[in-house]
């Protein structure tokens, strides 16, 4: 895979993973369970998550900061399984970005 394609797919994979974890239920509701564990839905009187983990797992922009290093590592040190992963999740990220706003 050309290097520039790997970087684009890694960026799209970072975007999709952040969206997946913060917005989608996922297979067998695994991402919803992670959000429940993190405290995303345990709100204070102002309607904000009580725990910092709740804030982190409820915000795709915040979570992407922590997902990005793994995606950068996959782009910097290419392997067959890493390329497969970023291609798979990267294409899902492209589809999500092209689909537009969620309802």
N, C-alpha and C. Protein backbone atom coordinates (compact mmCIF):
# COMPACT_ATOMS: atom_id res chain seq x y z
N UNK A 1 0.85 -1.17 0.00
CA UNK A 1 0.00 0.00 0.00
C UNK A 1 0.90 1.23 0.00
N UNK A 2 0.61 2.22 -0.87
CA UNK A 2 1.40 3.45 -0.86
C UNK A 2 1.32 4.16 0.50
N UNK A 3 2.41 4.83 0.84
CA UNK A 3 2.48 5.46 2.16
C UNK A 3 1.39 6.50 2.37
N UNK A 4 1.09 7.32 1.35
CA UNK A 4 0.08 8.36 1.52
C UNK A 4 -1.30 7.75 1.74
N UNK A 5 -1.57 6.61 1.11
CA UNK A 5 -2.85 5.93 1.31
C UNK A 5 -2.94 5.41 2.75
N UNK A 6 -1.84 4.87 3.24
CA UNK A 6 -1.81 4.38 4.62
C UNK A 6 -2.12 5.50 5.60
N UNK A 7 -1.56 6.70 5.37
CA UNK A 7 -1.80 7.83 6.27
C UNK A 7 -3.25 8.32 6.20
N UNK A 8 -3.80 8.37 5.00
CA UNK A 8 -5.20 8.79 4.85
C UNK A 8 -6.12 7.79 5.55
N UNK A 9 -5.87 6.50 5.32
CA UNK A 9 -6.69 5.48 5.97
C UNK A 9 -6.53 5.49 7.48
N UNK A 10 -5.32 5.75 7.97
CA UNK A 10 -5.11 5.83 9.42
C UNK A 10 -5.89 7.00 10.01
N UNK A 11 -5.91 8.13 9.32
CA UNK A 11 -6.68 9.29 9.80
C UNK A 11 -8.17 8.98 9.80
N UNK A 12 -8.65 8.35 8.74
CA UNK A 12 -10.06 7.98 8.68
C UNK A 12 -10.40 6.92 9.73
N UNK A 13 -9.47 6.01 10.01
CA UNK A 13 -9.69 5.00 11.05
C UNK A 13 -9.79 5.66 12.42
N UNK A 14 -8.95 6.65 12.68
CA UNK A 14 -9.01 7.38 13.94
C UNK A 14 -10.37 8.06 14.09
N UNK A 15 -10.82 8.71 13.03
CA UNK A 15 -12.14 9.37 13.03
C UNK A 15 -13.24 8.35 13.31
N UNK A 16 -13.22 7.23 12.61
CA UNK A 16 -14.30 6.24 12.75
C UNK A 16 -14.29 5.58 14.13
N UNK A 17 -13.12 5.26 14.63
CA UNK A 17 -13.06 4.65 15.96
C UNK A 17 -13.61 5.60 17.03
N UNK A 18 -13.26 6.88 16.93
CA UNK A 18 -13.77 7.85 17.89
C UNK A 18 -15.30 7.96 17.79
N UNK A 19 -15.82 7.97 16.57
CA UNK A 19 -17.27 8.02 16.38
C UNK A 19 -17.92 6.74 16.89
N UNK A 20 -17.30 5.63 16.57
CA UNK A 20 -17.83 4.32 16.96
C UNK A 20 -18.00 4.24 18.48
N UNK A 21 -16.94 4.58 19.20
CA UNK A 21 -16.95 4.44 20.65
C UNK A 21 -17.88 5.44 21.32
N UNK A 22 -17.92 6.69 20.81
CA UNK A 22 -18.71 7.73 21.48
C UNK A 22 -20.15 7.81 21.02
N UNK A 23 -20.47 7.30 19.85
CA UNK A 23 -21.82 7.51 19.30
C UNK A 23 -22.61 6.24 19.01
N UNK A 24 -21.94 5.15 18.69
CA UNK A 24 -22.63 3.93 18.25
C UNK A 24 -22.67 2.89 19.36
N UNK A 25 -23.66 2.00 19.28
CA UNK A 25 -23.76 0.92 20.25
C UNK A 25 -22.75 -0.19 19.96
N UNK A 26 -22.49 -0.44 18.68
CA UNK A 26 -21.55 -1.48 18.29
C UNK A 26 -22.16 -2.86 18.37
N UNK A 27 -21.41 -3.84 17.90
CA UNK A 27 -21.92 -5.21 17.96
C UNK A 27 -22.06 -5.65 19.42
N UNK A 28 -23.18 -6.29 19.69
CA UNK A 28 -23.49 -6.78 21.04
C UNK A 28 -23.46 -5.66 22.07
N UNK A 29 -23.69 -4.41 21.64
CA UNK A 29 -23.73 -3.22 22.51
C UNK A 29 -22.43 -3.01 23.28
N UNK A 30 -21.32 -3.42 22.69
CA UNK A 30 -20.05 -3.34 23.41
C UNK A 30 -19.63 -1.89 23.68
N UNK A 31 -19.84 -0.99 22.71
CA UNK A 31 -19.42 0.40 22.92
C UNK A 31 -20.36 1.12 23.87
N UNK A 32 -21.62 0.77 23.86
CA UNK A 32 -22.55 1.33 24.84
C UNK A 32 -22.16 0.87 26.24
N UNK A 33 -21.76 -0.38 26.37
CA UNK A 33 -21.31 -0.89 27.67
C UNK A 33 -20.06 -0.16 28.14
N UNK A 34 -19.15 0.14 27.23
CA UNK A 34 -17.94 0.89 27.59
C UNK A 34 -18.33 2.28 28.07
N UNK A 35 -19.28 2.93 27.38
CA UNK A 35 -19.72 4.26 27.81
C UNK A 35 -20.41 4.20 29.18
N UNK A 36 -21.19 3.16 29.41
CA UNK A 36 -21.82 2.99 30.73
C UNK A 36 -20.75 2.83 31.81
N UNK A 37 -19.77 1.98 31.55
CA UNK A 37 -18.67 1.76 32.50
C UNK A 37 -17.91 3.05 32.76
N UNK A 38 -17.69 3.86 31.70
CA UNK A 38 -16.91 5.09 31.83
C UNK A 38 -17.68 6.20 32.55
N UNK A 39 -18.99 6.08 32.64
CA UNK A 39 -19.78 7.09 33.33
C UNK A 39 -20.32 8.18 32.43
N UNK A 40 -20.44 7.91 31.14
CA UNK A 40 -20.95 8.92 30.21
C UNK A 40 -22.37 9.35 30.59
N UNK A 41 -23.16 8.42 31.08
CA UNK A 41 -24.57 8.71 31.36
C UNK A 41 -24.83 9.04 32.84
N UNK A 42 -23.78 9.07 33.67
CA UNK A 42 -23.90 9.43 35.09
C UNK A 42 -23.66 10.94 35.20
N UNK A 43 -24.75 11.71 35.16
CA UNK A 43 -24.64 13.15 35.02
C UNK A 43 -24.80 13.88 36.35
N UNK A 44 -24.17 15.06 36.42
CA UNK A 44 -24.33 15.91 37.60
C UNK A 44 -25.54 16.82 37.40
N UNK A 45 -25.72 17.78 38.30
CA UNK A 45 -26.88 18.67 38.25
C UNK A 45 -26.88 19.56 37.00
N UNK A 46 -25.71 19.79 36.42
CA UNK A 46 -25.63 20.62 35.20
C UNK A 46 -25.83 19.81 33.93
N UNK A 47 -25.98 18.49 34.07
CA UNK A 47 -26.16 17.63 32.91
C UNK A 47 -24.88 17.19 32.26
N UNK A 48 -23.76 17.35 32.96
CA UNK A 48 -22.45 16.93 32.45
C UNK A 48 -22.02 15.65 33.17
N UNK A 49 -21.24 14.81 32.50
CA UNK A 49 -20.75 13.60 33.17
C UNK A 49 -19.96 13.95 34.44
N UNK A 50 -20.18 13.18 35.48
CA UNK A 50 -19.50 13.42 36.76
C UNK A 50 -18.02 13.07 36.70
N UNK A 51 -17.68 12.01 35.99
CA UNK A 51 -16.31 11.53 35.93
C UNK A 51 -15.60 12.03 34.66
N UNK A 52 -14.29 12.21 34.76
CA UNK A 52 -13.52 12.60 33.58
C UNK A 52 -13.54 11.52 32.50
N UNK A 53 -13.62 10.25 32.92
CA UNK A 53 -13.72 9.19 31.91
C UNK A 53 -15.04 9.32 31.15
N UNK A 54 -16.09 9.77 31.83
CA UNK A 54 -17.37 10.00 31.17
C UNK A 54 -17.27 11.10 30.14
N UNK A 55 -16.54 12.15 30.47
CA UNK A 55 -16.33 13.25 29.52
C UNK A 55 -15.54 12.72 28.32
N UNK A 56 -14.47 11.97 28.59
CA UNK A 56 -13.60 11.46 27.53
C UNK A 56 -14.36 10.54 26.57
N UNK A 57 -15.10 9.57 27.12
CA UNK A 57 -15.78 8.61 26.27
C UNK A 57 -17.09 9.13 25.69
N UNK A 58 -17.46 10.34 26.03
CA UNK A 58 -18.64 10.96 25.46
C UNK A 58 -18.33 11.97 24.38
N UNK A 59 -17.06 12.29 24.19
CA UNK A 59 -16.64 13.33 23.25
C UNK A 59 -15.73 12.73 22.18
N UNK A 60 -16.18 12.69 20.92
CA UNK A 60 -15.34 12.10 19.88
C UNK A 60 -14.05 12.89 19.64
N UNK A 61 -14.08 14.19 19.85
CA UNK A 61 -12.88 15.00 19.65
C UNK A 61 -11.85 14.70 20.72
N UNK A 62 -12.30 14.55 21.96
CA UNK A 62 -11.39 14.23 23.08
C UNK A 62 -10.80 12.83 22.91
N UNK A 63 -11.65 11.88 22.59
CA UNK A 63 -11.21 10.50 22.47
C UNK A 63 -10.25 10.32 21.29
N UNK A 64 -10.47 11.06 20.22
CA UNK A 64 -9.59 10.94 19.04
C UNK A 64 -8.15 11.31 19.37
N UNK A 65 -7.95 12.21 20.32
CA UNK A 65 -6.59 12.59 20.74
C UNK A 65 -5.86 11.38 21.29
N UNK A 66 -6.57 10.48 21.96
CA UNK A 66 -5.95 9.30 22.56
C UNK A 66 -5.92 8.11 21.61
N UNK A 67 -6.78 8.10 20.62
CA UNK A 67 -6.77 7.04 19.61
C UNK A 67 -5.70 7.31 18.55
N UNK A 68 -5.44 8.58 18.28
CA UNK A 68 -4.52 8.98 17.21
C UNK A 68 -3.13 8.35 17.34
N UNK A 69 -2.51 8.28 18.53
CA UNK A 69 -1.17 7.67 18.58
C UNK A 69 -1.12 6.22 18.08
N UNK A 70 -2.16 5.46 18.35
CA UNK A 70 -2.19 4.08 17.86
C UNK A 70 -2.29 4.07 16.33
N UNK A 71 -3.11 4.96 15.78
CA UNK A 71 -3.25 5.03 14.32
C UNK A 71 -1.96 5.52 13.67
N UNK A 72 -1.28 6.46 14.30
CA UNK A 72 0.01 6.94 13.79
C UNK A 72 1.04 5.81 13.82
N UNK A 73 1.04 5.03 14.90
CA UNK A 73 1.97 3.90 14.99
C UNK A 73 1.71 2.89 13.88
N UNK A 74 0.43 2.63 13.58
CA UNK A 74 0.10 1.69 12.50
C UNK A 74 0.56 2.22 11.15
N UNK A 75 0.54 3.55 10.97
CA UNK A 75 1.00 4.14 9.71
C UNK A 75 2.52 4.19 9.63
N UNK A 76 3.17 4.46 10.76
CA UNK A 76 4.64 4.55 10.76
C UNK A 76 5.34 3.21 10.64
N UNK A 77 4.74 2.19 11.26
CA UNK A 77 5.34 0.85 11.28
C UNK A 77 4.39 -0.15 10.64
N UNK A 78 4.34 -0.14 9.31
CA UNK A 78 3.35 -0.97 8.61
C UNK A 78 3.60 -2.46 8.76
N UNK A 79 2.51 -3.16 8.99
CA UNK A 79 2.51 -4.62 9.00
C UNK A 79 1.27 -5.06 8.24
N UNK A 80 1.23 -6.30 7.85
CA UNK A 80 0.06 -6.79 7.14
C UNK A 80 -1.20 -6.69 7.99
N UNK A 81 -1.20 -7.14 9.25
CA UNK A 81 -2.41 -7.00 10.06
C UNK A 81 -2.78 -5.53 10.34
N UNK A 82 -1.77 -4.69 10.54
CA UNK A 82 -2.04 -3.27 10.77
C UNK A 82 -2.65 -2.61 9.56
N UNK A 83 -2.11 -2.93 8.37
CA UNK A 83 -2.68 -2.39 7.13
C UNK A 83 -4.12 -2.88 6.93
N UNK A 84 -4.36 -4.13 7.23
CA UNK A 84 -5.72 -4.66 7.12
C UNK A 84 -6.66 -3.92 8.05
N UNK A 85 -6.23 -3.68 9.29
CA UNK A 85 -7.07 -2.99 10.27
C UNK A 85 -7.37 -1.56 9.83
N UNK A 86 -6.33 -0.78 9.44
CA UNK A 86 -6.61 0.60 9.07
C UNK A 86 -7.38 0.69 7.76
N UNK A 87 -7.22 -0.28 6.87
CA UNK A 87 -8.02 -0.28 5.64
C UNK A 87 -9.49 -0.56 5.99
N UNK A 88 -9.73 -1.53 6.82
CA UNK A 88 -11.10 -1.91 7.21
C UNK A 88 -11.80 -0.76 7.92
N UNK A 89 -11.18 -0.24 8.98
CA UNK A 89 -11.80 0.82 9.75
C UNK A 89 -11.73 2.15 8.99
N UNK A 90 -10.68 2.35 8.21
CA UNK A 90 -10.56 3.57 7.41
C UNK A 90 -11.65 3.69 6.36
N UNK A 91 -11.97 2.59 5.67
CA UNK A 91 -13.07 2.64 4.70
C UNK A 91 -14.40 2.87 5.40
N UNK A 92 -14.56 2.32 6.59
CA UNK A 92 -15.78 2.60 7.37
C UNK A 92 -15.83 4.08 7.75
N UNK A 93 -14.68 4.66 8.06
CA UNK A 93 -14.62 6.09 8.37
C UNK A 93 -14.95 6.95 7.16
N UNK A 94 -14.48 6.54 5.99
CA UNK A 94 -14.82 7.27 4.77
C UNK A 94 -16.31 7.21 4.50
N UNK A 95 -16.90 6.05 4.65
CA UNK A 95 -18.34 5.90 4.46
C UNK A 95 -19.10 6.78 5.43
N UNK A 96 -18.67 6.81 6.68
CA UNK A 96 -19.33 7.62 7.70
C UNK A 96 -19.22 9.10 7.36
N UNK A 97 -18.04 9.53 6.92
CA UNK A 97 -17.85 10.93 6.57
C UNK A 97 -18.67 11.33 5.35
N UNK A 98 -18.76 10.44 4.37
CA UNK A 98 -19.55 10.74 3.16
C UNK A 98 -21.05 10.72 3.41
N UNK A 99 -21.47 9.95 4.40
CA UNK A 99 -22.90 9.84 4.69
C UNK A 99 -23.48 11.15 5.21
N UNK A 100 -22.67 11.93 5.88
CA UNK A 100 -23.14 13.22 6.38
C UNK A 100 -23.66 13.13 7.80
N UNK A 101 -24.36 14.18 8.23
CA UNK A 101 -24.83 14.25 9.61
C UNK A 101 -25.75 13.10 9.98
N UNK A 102 -25.67 12.72 11.24
CA UNK A 102 -26.53 11.66 11.75
C UNK A 102 -27.86 12.22 12.17
N UNK A 103 -28.86 11.40 12.09
CA UNK A 103 -30.20 11.84 12.51
C UNK A 103 -30.49 11.39 13.91
